[in-house]
Amino acid sequence: MQISTKGRYGLRAVLELARSSGDKPVSTKEISQKQRITIPYLEQLFFRLKHKGFVKSVRGAQGGYFLAKDPEDISVGDIIECLDGPIEFTDCKATSDGHSTCIGPENCMAISFWDDLKASLNEKLYGTSLADLLDDFKKKKMRMKEGIETEA
């Protein structure tokens, strides 16, 4: 299982919005430069994120994007699911064509493991907000800066 490029880049893009936006929208050019994501790809990501109500846009020369909700109210899981769809470890429950490959809970000895694993992952994904990631990033940068200053 691997989070797609859409999910990873989308998370980076909304984190950049959370970090950079204040009273003014952030341009795709600025996000593109800071996060090294092409503008056309950002536009695709923001189209989906806007449709699901996570970002808003402003048109015009001073336009761009901003978060539609507070960073505390958007989880990593929200963004990944918006861009990649539901996260599953196995296709034993249902496949993309709607057919189940499950042999049935009465015969599957691993079903509780898969259910527990999914619950643990969802707890981490949906229990971690954009604000949490920004706080962690700021703390990490401060520790790095302090480490450099104390070594000099």
N, C-alpha and C. Protein backbone atom coordinates (compact mmCIF):
# COMPACT_ATOMS: atom_id res chain seq x y z
N MET A 1 0.83 -1.18 0.00
CA MET A 1 0.00 0.00 0.00
C MET A 1 0.88 1.24 0.00
N GLN A 2 0.53 2.17 -0.84
CA GLN A 2 1.31 3.40 -0.92
C GLN A 2 0.37 4.55 -1.22
N ILE A 3 0.58 5.66 -0.51
CA ILE A 3 -0.19 6.86 -0.80
C ILE A 3 0.29 7.38 -2.15
N SER A 4 -0.64 7.78 -3.00
CA SER A 4 -0.28 8.23 -4.34
C SER A 4 0.40 9.60 -4.32
N THR A 5 0.94 9.95 -5.46
CA THR A 5 1.53 11.28 -5.63
C THR A 5 0.48 12.35 -5.38
N LYS A 6 -0.76 12.11 -5.82
CA LYS A 6 -1.83 13.08 -5.58
C LYS A 6 -2.00 13.33 -4.08
N GLY A 7 -2.03 12.27 -3.31
CA GLY A 7 -2.20 12.41 -1.87
C GLY A 7 -1.03 13.12 -1.21
N ARG A 8 0.19 12.73 -1.57
CA ARG A 8 1.39 13.34 -0.97
C ARG A 8 1.52 14.80 -1.37
N TYR A 9 1.39 15.10 -2.66
CA TYR A 9 1.51 16.48 -3.14
C TYR A 9 0.35 17.33 -2.63
N GLY A 10 -0.84 16.76 -2.58
CA GLY A 10 -2.00 17.50 -2.08
C GLY A 10 -1.81 17.89 -0.62
N LEU A 11 -1.27 16.98 0.17
CA LEU A 11 -1.01 17.29 1.57
C LEU A 11 0.02 18.40 1.68
N ARG A 12 1.08 18.32 0.89
CA ARG A 12 2.10 19.39 0.89
C ARG A 12 1.48 20.73 0.51
N ALA A 13 0.62 20.72 -0.49
CA ALA A 13 0.01 21.97 -0.98
C ALA A 13 -0.90 22.59 0.08
N VAL A 14 -1.73 21.79 0.73
CA VAL A 14 -2.63 22.38 1.73
C VAL A 14 -1.84 22.80 2.98
N LEU A 15 -0.75 22.10 3.29
CA LEU A 15 0.10 22.54 4.39
C LEU A 15 0.75 23.88 4.08
N GLU A 16 1.13 24.07 2.82
CA GLU A 16 1.69 25.36 2.41
C GLU A 16 0.63 26.45 2.53
N LEU A 17 -0.61 26.15 2.17
CA LEU A 17 -1.70 27.12 2.35
C LEU A 17 -1.86 27.45 3.83
N ALA A 18 -1.85 26.43 4.66
CA ALA A 18 -2.03 26.64 6.09
C ALA A 18 -0.90 27.48 6.67
N ARG A 19 0.30 27.27 6.17
CA ARG A 19 1.46 28.01 6.68
C ARG A 19 1.50 29.44 6.14
N SER A 20 1.18 29.62 4.88
CA SER A 20 1.38 30.91 4.20
C SER A 20 0.18 31.83 4.22
N SER A 21 -0.99 31.27 4.26
CA SER A 21 -2.16 32.14 4.12
C SER A 21 -2.49 32.80 5.44
N GLY A 22 -2.89 34.01 5.33
CA GLY A 22 -3.38 34.77 6.46
C GLY A 22 -4.65 35.43 6.00
N ASP A 23 -4.54 36.70 5.73
CA ASP A 23 -5.69 37.44 5.23
C ASP A 23 -5.77 37.43 3.71
N LYS A 24 -4.74 36.93 3.06
CA LYS A 24 -4.73 36.96 1.60
C LYS A 24 -4.54 35.55 1.04
N PRO A 25 -5.09 35.31 -0.14
CA PRO A 25 -4.92 34.00 -0.77
C PRO A 25 -3.47 33.78 -1.22
N VAL A 26 -3.10 32.53 -1.38
CA VAL A 26 -1.76 32.16 -1.81
C VAL A 26 -1.84 31.72 -3.27
N SER A 27 -0.97 32.27 -4.10
CA SER A 27 -1.01 31.94 -5.53
C SER A 27 -0.43 30.54 -5.79
N THR A 28 -0.90 29.94 -6.87
CA THR A 28 -0.35 28.64 -7.24
C THR A 28 1.13 28.77 -7.60
N LYS A 29 1.53 29.93 -8.12
CA LYS A 29 2.94 30.15 -8.44
C LYS A 29 3.80 30.06 -7.18
N GLU A 30 3.34 30.70 -6.12
CA GLU A 30 4.09 30.67 -4.86
C GLU A 30 4.17 29.26 -4.29
N ILE A 31 3.04 28.55 -4.31
CA ILE A 31 3.02 27.17 -3.81
C ILE A 31 3.91 26.29 -4.68
N SER A 32 3.83 26.49 -5.98
CA SER A 32 4.64 25.72 -6.92
C SER A 32 6.13 25.88 -6.64
N GLN A 33 6.54 27.10 -6.42
CA GLN A 33 7.96 27.37 -6.15
C GLN A 33 8.41 26.78 -4.82
N LYS A 34 7.61 26.95 -3.80
CA LYS A 34 8.00 26.47 -2.47
C LYS A 34 7.94 24.95 -2.34
N GLN A 35 6.98 24.34 -3.01
CA GLN A 35 6.78 22.90 -2.85
C GLN A 35 7.24 22.07 -4.05
N ARG A 36 7.72 22.75 -5.08
CA ARG A 36 8.21 22.08 -6.29
C ARG A 36 7.15 21.14 -6.90
N ILE A 37 5.97 21.71 -7.07
CA ILE A 37 4.84 21.03 -7.72
C ILE A 37 4.43 21.90 -8.89
N THR A 38 4.22 21.31 -10.06
CA THR A 38 3.85 22.12 -11.21
C THR A 38 2.49 22.78 -11.01
N ILE A 39 2.32 23.93 -11.61
CA ILE A 39 1.07 24.67 -11.49
C ILE A 39 -0.11 23.87 -12.06
N PRO A 40 0.02 23.24 -13.23
CA PRO A 40 -1.12 22.46 -13.72
C PRO A 40 -1.52 21.33 -12.77
N TYR A 41 -0.53 20.69 -12.14
CA TYR A 41 -0.84 19.62 -11.19
C TYR A 41 -1.52 20.19 -9.96
N LEU A 42 -1.04 21.33 -9.47
CA LEU A 42 -1.69 21.99 -8.34
C LEU A 42 -3.14 22.32 -8.65
N GLU A 43 -3.38 22.80 -9.86
CA GLU A 43 -4.75 23.15 -10.26
C GLU A 43 -5.66 21.91 -10.21
N GLN A 44 -5.14 20.77 -10.64
CA GLN A 44 -5.92 19.52 -10.57
C GLN A 44 -6.24 19.16 -9.12
N LEU A 45 -5.24 19.25 -8.27
CA LEU A 45 -5.42 18.92 -6.86
C LEU A 45 -6.42 19.87 -6.21
N PHE A 46 -6.25 21.18 -6.46
CA PHE A 46 -7.12 22.16 -5.84
C PHE A 46 -8.56 22.07 -6.36
N PHE A 47 -8.72 21.62 -7.59
CA PHE A 47 -10.08 21.41 -8.11
C PHE A 47 -10.82 20.41 -7.24
N ARG A 48 -10.18 19.30 -6.94
CA ARG A 48 -10.81 18.28 -6.08
C ARG A 48 -11.00 18.79 -4.65
N LEU A 49 -9.96 19.42 -4.13
CA LEU A 49 -10.03 19.92 -2.75
C LEU A 49 -11.09 21.00 -2.60
N LYS A 50 -11.25 21.82 -3.62
CA LYS A 50 -12.28 22.86 -3.60
C LYS A 50 -13.67 22.23 -3.67
N HIS A 51 -13.81 21.23 -4.52
CA HIS A 51 -15.09 20.54 -4.68
C HIS A 51 -15.55 19.91 -3.36
N LYS A 52 -14.60 19.43 -2.57
CA LYS A 52 -14.93 18.79 -1.28
C LYS A 52 -14.97 19.78 -0.11
N GLY A 53 -14.73 21.07 -0.39
CA GLY A 53 -14.87 22.09 0.63
C GLY A 53 -13.67 22.31 1.54
N PHE A 54 -12.49 21.87 1.10
CA PHE A 54 -11.29 22.07 1.92
C PHE A 54 -10.55 23.37 1.58
N VAL A 55 -10.67 23.82 0.34
CA VAL A 55 -10.04 25.08 -0.05
C VAL A 55 -11.05 25.95 -0.78
N LYS A 56 -10.76 27.23 -0.80
CA LYS A 56 -11.54 28.21 -1.56
C LYS A 56 -10.57 28.97 -2.45
N SER A 57 -11.12 29.58 -3.48
CA SER A 57 -10.26 30.33 -4.40
C SER A 57 -10.78 31.74 -4.60
N VAL A 58 -9.84 32.60 -4.99
CA VAL A 58 -10.16 33.98 -5.33
C VAL A 58 -9.54 34.23 -6.70
N ARG A 59 -10.32 34.73 -7.63
CA ARG A 59 -9.82 35.00 -8.98
C ARG A 59 -9.14 36.35 -9.04
N GLY A 60 -8.36 36.54 -10.09
CA GLY A 60 -7.77 37.84 -10.35
C GLY A 60 -6.28 37.89 -10.07
N ALA A 61 -5.72 39.06 -10.31
CA ALA A 61 -4.27 39.26 -10.18
C ALA A 61 -3.78 38.99 -8.76
N GLN A 62 -4.57 39.31 -7.78
CA GLN A 62 -4.19 39.06 -6.38
C GLN A 62 -4.85 37.79 -5.85
N GLY A 63 -5.31 36.96 -6.77
CA GLY A 63 -6.04 35.76 -6.40
C GLY A 63 -5.15 34.61 -5.99
N GLY A 64 -5.80 33.52 -5.68
CA GLY A 64 -5.10 32.31 -5.28
C GLY A 64 -6.03 31.45 -4.45
N TYR A 65 -5.45 30.66 -3.57
CA TYR A 65 -6.22 29.73 -2.76
C TYR A 65 -5.97 29.97 -1.28
N PHE A 66 -6.94 29.57 -0.49
CA PHE A 66 -6.79 29.57 0.96
C PHE A 66 -7.64 28.44 1.52
N LEU A 67 -7.35 28.05 2.76
CA LEU A 67 -8.10 26.98 3.38
C LEU A 67 -9.52 27.43 3.67
N ALA A 68 -10.47 26.55 3.45
CA ALA A 68 -11.87 26.86 3.72
C ALA A 68 -12.23 26.62 5.18
N LYS A 69 -11.34 25.92 5.89
CA LYS A 69 -11.55 25.61 7.31
C LYS A 69 -10.26 25.90 8.06
N ASP A 70 -10.35 25.95 9.36
CA ASP A 70 -9.15 26.10 10.18
C ASP A 70 -8.28 24.86 10.05
N PRO A 71 -6.95 25.02 10.10
CA PRO A 71 -6.06 23.85 10.01
C PRO A 71 -6.34 22.80 11.09
N GLU A 72 -6.88 23.21 12.22
CA GLU A 72 -7.23 22.27 13.29
C GLU A 72 -8.40 21.38 12.89
N ASP A 73 -9.18 21.84 11.91
CA ASP A 73 -10.40 21.13 11.52
C ASP A 73 -10.24 20.29 10.26
N ILE A 74 -9.02 20.20 9.75
CA ILE A 74 -8.75 19.38 8.56
C ILE A 74 -7.71 18.35 8.95
N SER A 75 -8.04 17.08 8.77
CA SER A 75 -7.11 16.02 9.11
C SER A 75 -6.33 15.56 7.89
N VAL A 76 -5.23 14.90 8.15
CA VAL A 76 -4.45 14.30 7.07
C VAL A 76 -5.34 13.32 6.32
N GLY A 77 -6.12 12.54 7.05
CA GLY A 77 -7.03 11.58 6.42
C GLY A 77 -8.03 12.23 5.49
N ASP A 78 -8.52 13.42 5.87
CA ASP A 78 -9.47 14.14 5.01
C ASP A 78 -8.85 14.41 3.64
N ILE A 79 -7.60 14.87 3.64
CA ILE A 79 -6.93 15.24 2.39
C ILE A 79 -6.61 13.99 1.56
N ILE A 80 -6.06 12.97 2.21
CA ILE A 80 -5.72 11.74 1.49
C ILE A 80 -6.97 11.10 0.90
N GLU A 81 -8.03 11.02 1.68
CA GLU A 81 -9.26 10.41 1.16
C GLU A 81 -9.86 11.23 0.03
N CYS A 82 -9.80 12.55 0.14
CA CYS A 82 -10.32 13.42 -0.92
C CYS A 82 -9.61 13.16 -2.24
N LEU A 83 -8.30 12.98 -2.18
CA LEU A 83 -7.50 12.86 -3.41
C LEU A 83 -7.29 11.42 -3.87
N ASP A 84 -7.23 10.48 -2.91
CA ASP A 84 -6.95 9.08 -3.26
C ASP A 84 -8.13 8.15 -3.09
N GLY A 85 -9.17 8.58 -2.41
CA GLY A 85 -10.28 7.70 -2.09
C GLY A 85 -10.01 6.98 -0.77
N PRO A 86 -10.92 6.12 -0.37
CA PRO A 86 -10.74 5.41 0.90
C PRO A 86 -9.47 4.55 0.89
N ILE A 87 -8.84 4.48 2.04
CA ILE A 87 -7.60 3.72 2.15
C ILE A 87 -7.92 2.31 2.65
N GLU A 88 -7.50 1.32 1.88
CA GLU A 88 -7.71 -0.08 2.21
C GLU A 88 -6.39 -0.82 2.10
N PHE A 89 -6.18 -1.78 2.98
CA PHE A 89 -4.97 -2.61 2.92
C PHE A 89 -5.16 -3.81 2.01
N THR A 90 -6.38 -4.29 1.96
CA THR A 90 -6.66 -5.47 1.14
C THR A 90 -7.91 -5.23 0.33
N ASP A 91 -8.11 -6.06 -0.65
CA ASP A 91 -9.34 -5.98 -1.43
C ASP A 91 -10.30 -7.09 -1.03
N CYS A 92 -10.09 -7.65 0.15
CA CYS A 92 -10.94 -8.77 0.54
C CYS A 92 -12.38 -8.35 0.85
N LYS A 93 -12.58 -7.09 1.17
CA LYS A 93 -13.95 -6.63 1.46
C LYS A 93 -14.71 -6.35 0.15
N ALA A 94 -14.08 -5.60 -0.73
CA ALA A 94 -14.69 -5.30 -2.03
C ALA A 94 -13.60 -4.79 -2.96
N THR A 95 -13.72 -5.12 -4.22
CA THR A 95 -12.76 -4.66 -5.20
C THR A 95 -13.32 -3.45 -5.93
N SER A 96 -12.51 -2.84 -6.80
CA SER A 96 -12.95 -1.64 -7.50
C SER A 96 -14.16 -1.90 -8.39
N ASP A 97 -14.32 -3.12 -8.86
CA ASP A 97 -15.48 -3.42 -9.71
C ASP A 97 -16.70 -3.85 -8.89
N GLY A 98 -16.59 -3.75 -7.55
CA GLY A 98 -17.72 -4.03 -6.68
C GLY A 98 -17.85 -5.48 -6.26
N HIS A 99 -17.01 -6.35 -6.77
CA HIS A 99 -17.08 -7.76 -6.40
C HIS A 99 -16.20 -8.04 -5.19
N SER A 100 -16.73 -8.76 -4.25
CA SER A 100 -15.98 -9.10 -3.05
C SER A 100 -15.14 -10.34 -3.31
N THR A 101 -13.92 -10.30 -2.79
CA THR A 101 -13.06 -11.49 -2.85
C THR A 101 -12.99 -12.14 -1.47
N CYS A 102 -13.84 -11.65 -0.56
CA CYS A 102 -13.85 -12.14 0.81
C CYS A 102 -14.45 -13.54 0.86
N ILE A 103 -13.81 -14.42 1.61
CA ILE A 103 -14.35 -15.77 1.77
C ILE A 103 -15.38 -15.83 2.89
N GLY A 104 -15.58 -14.71 3.55
CA GLY A 104 -16.57 -14.62 4.62
C GLY A 104 -15.92 -14.59 5.99
N PRO A 105 -16.48 -13.78 6.87
CA PRO A 105 -15.88 -13.65 8.20
C PRO A 105 -15.86 -14.96 8.99
N GLU A 106 -16.76 -15.87 8.65
CA GLU A 106 -16.77 -17.15 9.36
C GLU A 106 -15.61 -18.06 8.94
N ASN A 107 -14.96 -17.76 7.81
CA ASN A 107 -13.84 -18.57 7.32
C ASN A 107 -12.50 -17.85 7.32
N CYS A 108 -12.52 -16.52 7.45
CA CYS A 108 -11.28 -15.74 7.35
C CYS A 108 -10.65 -15.57 8.73
N MET A 109 -9.46 -16.11 8.87
CA MET A 109 -8.76 -16.04 10.16
C MET A 109 -7.98 -14.74 10.32
N ALA A 110 -7.86 -13.96 9.25
CA ALA A 110 -7.08 -12.72 9.31
C ALA A 110 -7.94 -11.47 9.35
N ILE A 111 -9.25 -11.61 9.25
CA ILE A 111 -10.11 -10.44 9.12
C ILE A 111 -9.97 -9.48 10.31
N SER A 112 -9.83 -9.98 11.50
CA SER A 112 -9.70 -9.08 12.65
C SER A 112 -8.38 -8.31 12.60
N PHE A 113 -7.33 -8.95 12.08
CA PHE A 113 -6.05 -8.26 11.91
C PHE A 113 -6.20 -7.10 10.95
N TRP A 114 -6.83 -7.33 9.78
CA TRP A 114 -7.00 -6.26 8.79
C TRP A 114 -7.88 -5.14 9.35
N ASP A 115 -8.93 -5.52 10.07
CA ASP A 115 -9.81 -4.50 10.66
C ASP A 115 -9.07 -3.67 11.71
N ASP A 116 -8.26 -4.32 12.55
CA ASP A 116 -7.48 -3.60 13.56
C ASP A 116 -6.44 -2.68 12.92
N LEU A 117 -5.79 -3.18 11.88
CA LEU A 117 -4.78 -2.38 11.19
C LEU A 117 -5.42 -1.13 10.57
N LYS A 118 -6.57 -1.32 9.93
CA LYS A 118 -7.27 -0.17 9.34
C LYS A 118 -7.69 0.82 10.42
N ALA A 119 -8.18 0.33 11.55
CA ALA A 119 -8.60 1.21 12.64
C ALA A 119 -7.40 2.00 13.18
N SER A 120 -6.25 1.35 13.32
CA SER A 120 -5.05 2.04 13.80
C SER A 120 -4.60 3.12 12.83
N LEU A 121 -4.60 2.78 11.55
CA LEU A 121 -4.20 3.76 10.54
C LEU A 121 -5.18 4.93 10.50
N ASN A 122 -6.46 4.63 10.53
CA ASN A 122 -7.46 5.70 10.51
C ASN A 122 -7.34 6.60 11.73
N GLU A 123 -7.01 6.01 12.88
CA GLU A 123 -6.83 6.82 14.09
C GLU A 123 -5.70 7.83 13.88
N LYS A 124 -4.62 7.39 13.28
CA LYS A 124 -3.48 8.28 13.03
C LYS A 124 -3.82 9.31 11.95
N LEU A 125 -4.39 8.86 10.83
CA LEU A 125 -4.71 9.75 9.71
C LEU A 125 -5.75 10.81 10.10
N TYR A 126 -6.83 10.37 10.72
CA TYR A 126 -7.92 11.30 11.04
C TYR A 126 -7.72 11.98 12.39
N GLY A 127 -6.77 11.50 13.18
CA GLY A 127 -6.46 12.12 14.46
C GLY A 127 -5.33 13.14 14.37
N THR A 128 -4.75 13.29 13.20
CA THR A 128 -3.67 14.26 12.99
C THR A 128 -4.17 15.37 12.08
N SER A 129 -4.18 16.58 12.59
CA SER A 129 -4.67 17.72 11.81
C SER A 129 -3.51 18.41 11.09
N LEU A 130 -3.87 19.28 10.17
CA LEU A 130 -2.85 20.10 9.51
C LEU A 130 -2.12 20.96 10.55
N ALA A 131 -2.85 21.45 11.54
CA ALA A 131 -2.22 22.25 12.59
C ALA A 131 -1.18 21.43 13.36
N ASP A 132 -1.48 20.15 13.60
CA ASP A 132 -0.52 19.27 14.29
C ASP A 132 0.77 19.15 13.48
N LEU A 133 0.64 18.95 12.17
CA LEU A 133 1.83 18.82 11.32
C LEU A 133 2.62 20.12 11.27
N LEU A 134 1.93 21.24 11.19
CA LEU A 134 2.63 22.53 11.19
C LEU A 134 3.38 22.76 12.50
N ASP A 135 2.75 22.42 13.61
CA ASP A 135 3.41 22.57 14.91
C ASP A 135 4.65 21.68 14.99
N ASP A 136 4.52 20.44 14.54
CA ASP A 136 5.67 19.52 14.53
C ASP A 136 6.80 20.07 13.67
N PHE A 137 6.44 20.62 12.52
CA PHE A 137 7.44 21.17 11.59
C PHE A 137 8.17 22.35 12.23
N LYS A 138 7.41 23.24 12.87
CA LYS A 138 8.02 24.41 13.52
C LYS A 138 8.96 23.97 14.64
N LYS A 139 8.55 22.99 15.43
CA LYS A 139 9.40 22.49 16.51
C LYS A 139 10.68 21.86 15.96
N LYS A 140 10.54 21.11 14.88
CA LYS A 140 11.70 20.47 14.26
C LYS A 140 12.68 21.53 13.74
N LYS A 141 12.15 22.57 13.09
CA LYS A 141 13.00 23.65 12.59
C LYS A 141 13.72 24.36 13.73
N MET A 142 13.02 24.57 14.84
CA MET A 142 13.64 25.23 15.99
C MET A 142 14.76 24.37 16.57
N ARG A 143 14.51 23.07 16.67
CA ARG A 143 15.55 22.17 17.19
C ARG A 143 16.76 22.16 16.27
N MET A 144 16.52 22.17 14.96
CA MET A 144 17.63 22.20 14.00
C MET A 144 18.41 23.50 14.15
N LYS A 145 17.69 24.61 14.26
CA LYS A 145 18.34 25.91 14.40
C LYS A 145 19.15 25.97 15.69
N GLU A 146 18.58 25.49 16.77
CA GLU A 146 19.28 25.47 18.05
C GLU A 146 20.51 24.58 17.99
N GLY A 147 20.38 23.45 17.30
CA GLY A 147 21.51 22.54 17.15
C GLY A 147 22.65 23.17 16.38
N ILE A 148 22.31 23.90 15.34
CA ILE A 148 23.33 24.58 14.52
C ILE A 148 23.98 25.69 15.34
N GLU A 149 23.17 26.45 16.09
CA GLU A 149 23.70 27.56 16.86
C GLU A 149 24.59 27.08 18.01
N THR A 150 24.25 25.95 18.63
CA THR A 150 25.04 25.46 19.76
C THR A 150 26.34 24.80 19.29
N GLU A 151 26.35 24.30 18.06
CA GLU A 151 27.56 23.68 17.52
C GLU A 151 28.58 24.72 17.07
N ALA A 152 28.13 25.89 16.68
CA ALA A 152 29.01 26.93 16.15
C ALA A 152 29.86 27.59 17.20
